[in-house]
């Protein structure tokens, strides 16, 4: 069983023409790890000492990439990039 990852652009919310596929992964954990790395890249790049978690999350949900794993009939788990981003914003901004 393989898992496909697609990426939407939050700036073009609901515009499927800006969606692209980044590949197939052999297991769900590998796919989620790749999704997390996409979110982390944006958050780390835009995290500054002057930004709080709420502002960083708002920036992500407006301009970041929104990766998702296409579920399979056998898959009972899912991944939410926005949920992960909220958690990571709180972690990253706590460190500042």
N, C-alpha and C. Protein backbone atom coordinates (compact mmCIF):
# COMPACT_ATOMS: atom_id res chain seq x y z
N UNK A 1 0.85 -1.18 0.00
CA UNK A 1 0.00 0.00 0.00
C UNK A 1 0.90 1.24 0.00
N UNK A 2 0.59 2.21 -0.82
CA UNK A 2 1.34 3.46 -0.85
C UNK A 2 0.42 4.62 -0.47
N UNK A 3 1.05 5.68 -0.01
CA UNK A 3 0.33 6.88 0.40
C UNK A 3 0.81 8.05 -0.44
N UNK A 4 -0.10 8.75 -1.08
CA UNK A 4 0.24 9.92 -1.88
C UNK A 4 0.11 11.18 -1.02
N UNK A 5 1.01 12.11 -1.28
CA UNK A 5 0.94 13.41 -0.62
C UNK A 5 0.67 14.46 -1.68
N UNK A 6 -0.33 15.27 -1.41
CA UNK A 6 -0.62 16.43 -2.24
C UNK A 6 -0.43 17.67 -1.39
N UNK A 7 -0.17 18.78 -2.05
CA UNK A 7 0.05 20.04 -1.34
C UNK A 7 -0.85 21.10 -1.95
N UNK A 8 -1.62 21.73 -1.08
CA UNK A 8 -2.44 22.88 -1.47
C UNK A 8 -1.72 24.15 -1.01
N UNK A 9 -2.03 25.23 -1.64
CA UNK A 9 -1.46 26.53 -1.29
C UNK A 9 -2.51 27.28 -0.48
N UNK A 10 -2.20 27.60 0.77
CA UNK A 10 -3.18 28.30 1.60
C UNK A 10 -3.57 29.65 1.02
N UNK A 11 -2.65 30.30 0.30
CA UNK A 11 -2.96 31.59 -0.30
C UNK A 11 -4.05 31.46 -1.35
N UNK A 12 -4.09 30.33 -2.02
CA UNK A 12 -5.11 30.06 -3.03
C UNK A 12 -6.08 28.99 -2.52
N UNK A 13 -6.59 29.22 -1.33
CA UNK A 13 -7.48 28.28 -0.66
C UNK A 13 -8.62 27.84 -1.58
N UNK A 14 -8.84 26.54 -1.64
CA UNK A 14 -9.91 25.92 -2.42
C UNK A 14 -9.67 25.96 -3.93
N UNK A 15 -8.49 26.37 -4.35
CA UNK A 15 -8.17 26.40 -5.78
C UNK A 15 -7.36 25.15 -6.11
N UNK A 16 -8.04 24.12 -6.57
CA UNK A 16 -7.38 22.85 -6.84
C UNK A 16 -6.37 22.94 -7.98
N UNK A 17 -6.42 23.98 -8.78
CA UNK A 17 -5.46 24.10 -9.87
C UNK A 17 -4.05 24.41 -9.36
N UNK A 18 -3.95 24.89 -8.12
CA UNK A 18 -2.62 25.15 -7.56
C UNK A 18 -2.11 23.97 -6.74
N UNK A 19 -2.86 22.89 -6.69
CA UNK A 19 -2.48 21.67 -5.97
C UNK A 19 -1.44 20.89 -6.77
N UNK A 20 -0.49 20.30 -6.07
CA UNK A 20 0.48 19.43 -6.73
C UNK A 20 0.80 18.22 -5.86
N UNK A 21 1.26 17.17 -6.50
CA UNK A 21 1.61 15.92 -5.82
C UNK A 21 3.12 15.89 -5.61
N UNK A 22 3.55 15.55 -4.39
CA UNK A 22 5.00 15.47 -4.15
C UNK A 22 5.49 14.04 -4.14
N UNK A 23 4.61 13.08 -4.25
CA UNK A 23 5.08 11.71 -4.38
C UNK A 23 4.28 10.70 -3.60
N UNK A 24 4.81 9.48 -3.67
CA UNK A 24 4.20 8.33 -2.99
C UNK A 24 5.17 7.85 -1.92
N UNK A 25 4.61 7.38 -0.82
CA UNK A 25 5.41 6.87 0.29
C UNK A 25 4.92 5.49 0.66
N UNK A 26 5.82 4.66 1.10
CA UNK A 26 5.52 3.26 1.39
C UNK A 26 4.66 3.08 2.64
N UNK A 27 4.78 4.01 3.60
CA UNK A 27 3.93 3.87 4.78
C UNK A 27 3.46 5.24 5.26
N UNK A 28 2.46 5.21 6.09
CA UNK A 28 1.82 6.43 6.56
C UNK A 28 2.78 7.31 7.34
N UNK A 29 3.61 6.70 8.19
CA UNK A 29 4.54 7.48 9.01
C UNK A 29 5.54 8.27 8.16
N UNK A 30 6.03 7.66 7.08
CA UNK A 30 6.94 8.37 6.17
C UNK A 30 6.22 9.54 5.50
N UNK A 31 5.00 9.33 5.11
CA UNK A 31 4.22 10.38 4.46
C UNK A 31 3.98 11.54 5.43
N UNK A 32 3.63 11.23 6.65
CA UNK A 32 3.38 12.28 7.65
C UNK A 32 4.67 13.03 7.96
N UNK A 33 5.78 12.33 8.05
CA UNK A 33 7.07 12.98 8.31
C UNK A 33 7.38 14.00 7.21
N UNK A 34 7.10 13.65 5.97
CA UNK A 34 7.34 14.58 4.86
C UNK A 34 6.40 15.78 4.95
N UNK A 35 5.15 15.54 5.29
CA UNK A 35 4.20 16.64 5.47
C UNK A 35 4.67 17.59 6.57
N UNK A 36 5.10 17.02 7.68
CA UNK A 36 5.57 17.84 8.79
C UNK A 36 6.78 18.67 8.38
N UNK A 37 7.66 18.10 7.58
CA UNK A 37 8.85 18.86 7.17
C UNK A 37 8.47 20.06 6.30
N UNK A 38 7.43 19.91 5.49
CA UNK A 38 6.96 21.04 4.67
C UNK A 38 6.43 22.16 5.56
N UNK A 39 5.64 21.81 6.55
CA UNK A 39 5.10 22.80 7.48
C UNK A 39 6.24 23.43 8.28
N UNK A 40 7.14 22.60 8.78
CA UNK A 40 8.27 23.11 9.58
C UNK A 40 9.13 24.10 8.80
N UNK A 41 9.38 23.81 7.53
CA UNK A 41 10.19 24.71 6.71
C UNK A 41 9.61 26.12 6.71
N UNK A 42 8.30 26.22 6.51
CA UNK A 42 7.65 27.53 6.50
C UNK A 42 7.74 28.19 7.87
N UNK A 43 7.39 27.44 8.91
CA UNK A 43 7.33 28.03 10.25
C UNK A 43 8.71 28.49 10.73
N UNK A 44 9.71 27.69 10.48
CA UNK A 44 11.06 28.05 10.92
C UNK A 44 11.56 29.28 10.16
N UNK A 45 11.28 29.32 8.87
CA UNK A 45 11.70 30.47 8.06
C UNK A 45 11.04 31.76 8.52
N UNK A 46 9.79 31.70 8.95
CA UNK A 46 9.04 32.90 9.31
C UNK A 46 8.99 33.18 10.81
N UNK A 47 9.61 32.34 11.61
CA UNK A 47 9.63 32.53 13.06
C UNK A 47 10.73 33.53 13.42
N UNK A 48 10.34 34.61 14.06
CA UNK A 48 11.30 35.61 14.52
C UNK A 48 11.05 35.89 15.99
N UNK A 49 11.96 36.60 16.60
CA UNK A 49 11.79 36.96 18.02
C UNK A 49 10.60 37.89 18.23
N UNK A 50 10.16 38.56 17.17
CA UNK A 50 9.08 39.54 17.30
C UNK A 50 7.69 38.95 17.05
N UNK A 51 7.59 37.67 16.76
CA UNK A 51 6.28 37.09 16.42
C UNK A 51 5.81 36.13 17.51
N UNK A 52 4.52 36.16 17.78
CA UNK A 52 3.97 35.22 18.76
C UNK A 52 3.32 34.05 18.03
N UNK A 53 2.94 33.03 18.76
CA UNK A 53 2.41 31.79 18.17
C UNK A 53 1.16 32.06 17.35
N UNK A 54 0.28 32.90 17.83
CA UNK A 54 -0.96 33.18 17.12
C UNK A 54 -0.68 33.87 15.78
N UNK A 55 0.24 34.81 15.77
CA UNK A 55 0.58 35.53 14.54
C UNK A 55 1.29 34.62 13.54
N UNK A 56 2.16 33.75 14.05
CA UNK A 56 2.86 32.82 13.17
C UNK A 56 1.87 31.85 12.54
N UNK A 57 0.93 31.36 13.32
CA UNK A 57 -0.09 30.46 12.78
C UNK A 57 -0.95 31.17 11.73
N UNK A 58 -1.32 32.40 11.99
CA UNK A 58 -2.12 33.16 11.02
C UNK A 58 -1.35 33.33 9.72
N UNK A 59 -0.06 33.61 9.82
CA UNK A 59 0.79 33.74 8.64
C UNK A 59 0.82 32.42 7.86
N UNK A 60 0.96 31.31 8.58
CA UNK A 60 0.97 30.00 7.92
C UNK A 60 -0.36 29.71 7.22
N UNK A 61 -1.46 29.93 7.92
CA UNK A 61 -2.76 29.59 7.33
C UNK A 61 -3.13 30.51 6.16
N UNK A 62 -2.45 31.65 6.06
CA UNK A 62 -2.70 32.55 4.93
C UNK A 62 -1.77 32.29 3.75
N UNK A 63 -0.51 31.92 4.04
CA UNK A 63 0.49 31.86 2.97
C UNK A 63 1.28 30.57 2.88
N UNK A 64 1.17 29.68 3.85
CA UNK A 64 1.96 28.45 3.84
C UNK A 64 1.38 27.39 2.93
N UNK A 65 2.13 26.31 2.79
CA UNK A 65 1.64 25.17 2.02
C UNK A 65 0.93 24.21 2.96
N UNK A 66 -0.13 23.59 2.46
CA UNK A 66 -0.99 22.72 3.25
C UNK A 66 -0.91 21.29 2.71
N UNK A 67 0.09 20.52 3.18
CA UNK A 67 0.23 19.15 2.68
C UNK A 67 -0.79 18.22 3.32
N UNK A 68 -1.20 17.21 2.56
CA UNK A 68 -2.11 16.22 3.13
C UNK A 68 -1.85 14.86 2.49
N UNK A 69 -2.13 13.84 3.27
CA UNK A 69 -1.96 12.46 2.82
C UNK A 69 -3.31 11.98 2.33
N UNK A 70 -3.33 11.47 1.12
CA UNK A 70 -4.59 10.94 0.58
C UNK A 70 -4.88 9.64 1.31
N UNK A 71 -6.02 9.57 1.99
CA UNK A 71 -6.34 8.36 2.73
C UNK A 71 -6.64 7.18 1.81
N UNK A 72 -6.35 6.01 2.30
CA UNK A 72 -6.67 4.79 1.58
C UNK A 72 -7.80 4.11 2.32
N UNK A 73 -8.51 3.20 1.68
CA UNK A 73 -9.59 2.49 2.37
C UNK A 73 -9.10 1.76 3.62
N UNK A 74 -7.84 1.32 3.61
CA UNK A 74 -7.30 0.59 4.75
C UNK A 74 -6.80 1.52 5.85
N UNK A 75 -6.63 2.79 5.55
CA UNK A 75 -6.07 3.75 6.48
C UNK A 75 -7.12 4.25 7.47
N UNK A 76 -6.77 4.19 8.73
CA UNK A 76 -7.68 4.68 9.76
C UNK A 76 -7.16 5.96 10.40
N UNK A 77 -5.99 6.42 9.96
CA UNK A 77 -5.40 7.62 10.53
C UNK A 77 -5.36 8.73 9.50
N UNK A 78 -5.21 9.94 9.98
CA UNK A 78 -5.14 11.09 9.09
C UNK A 78 -4.12 12.08 9.65
N UNK A 79 -3.81 13.09 8.86
CA UNK A 79 -2.87 14.13 9.28
C UNK A 79 -3.49 15.48 8.94
N UNK A 80 -3.44 16.39 9.90
CA UNK A 80 -3.92 17.75 9.69
C UNK A 80 -2.73 18.71 9.75
N UNK A 81 -2.38 19.31 8.63
CA UNK A 81 -1.27 20.26 8.60
C UNK A 81 -1.57 21.47 9.48
N UNK A 82 -2.80 21.93 9.46
CA UNK A 82 -3.15 23.08 10.29
C UNK A 82 -3.05 22.74 11.78
N UNK A 83 -3.50 21.56 12.16
CA UNK A 83 -3.38 21.13 13.56
C UNK A 83 -1.93 21.00 13.98
N UNK A 84 -1.12 20.42 13.09
CA UNK A 84 0.31 20.29 13.38
C UNK A 84 0.95 21.67 13.46
N UNK A 85 0.59 22.57 12.56
CA UNK A 85 1.16 23.92 12.56
C UNK A 85 0.83 24.65 13.85
N UNK A 86 -0.38 24.50 14.34
CA UNK A 86 -0.77 25.14 15.61
C UNK A 86 0.12 24.65 16.74
N UNK A 87 0.32 23.37 16.82
CA UNK A 87 1.18 22.78 17.86
C UNK A 87 2.62 23.29 17.73
N UNK A 88 3.15 23.29 16.50
CA UNK A 88 4.53 23.72 16.27
C UNK A 88 4.72 25.21 16.54
N UNK A 89 3.73 26.03 16.21
CA UNK A 89 3.83 27.46 16.49
C UNK A 89 3.97 27.70 17.99
N UNK A 90 3.18 26.99 18.77
CA UNK A 90 3.26 27.12 20.22
C UNK A 90 4.62 26.68 20.73
N UNK A 91 5.16 25.59 20.20
CA UNK A 91 6.48 25.10 20.61
C UNK A 91 7.58 26.08 20.20
N UNK A 92 7.55 26.51 18.94
CA UNK A 92 8.61 27.39 18.44
C UNK A 92 8.61 28.75 19.14
N UNK A 93 7.44 29.30 19.37
CA UNK A 93 7.37 30.63 19.97
C UNK A 93 7.61 30.59 21.47
N UNK A 94 7.44 29.46 22.08
CA UNK A 94 7.74 29.29 23.50
C UNK A 94 9.26 29.40 23.71
N UNK A 95 10.02 28.94 22.71
CA UNK A 95 11.46 28.96 22.78
C UNK A 95 12.01 30.38 22.66
N UNK A 96 11.33 31.22 21.87
CA UNK A 96 11.81 32.60 21.64
C UNK A 96 11.93 33.39 22.90
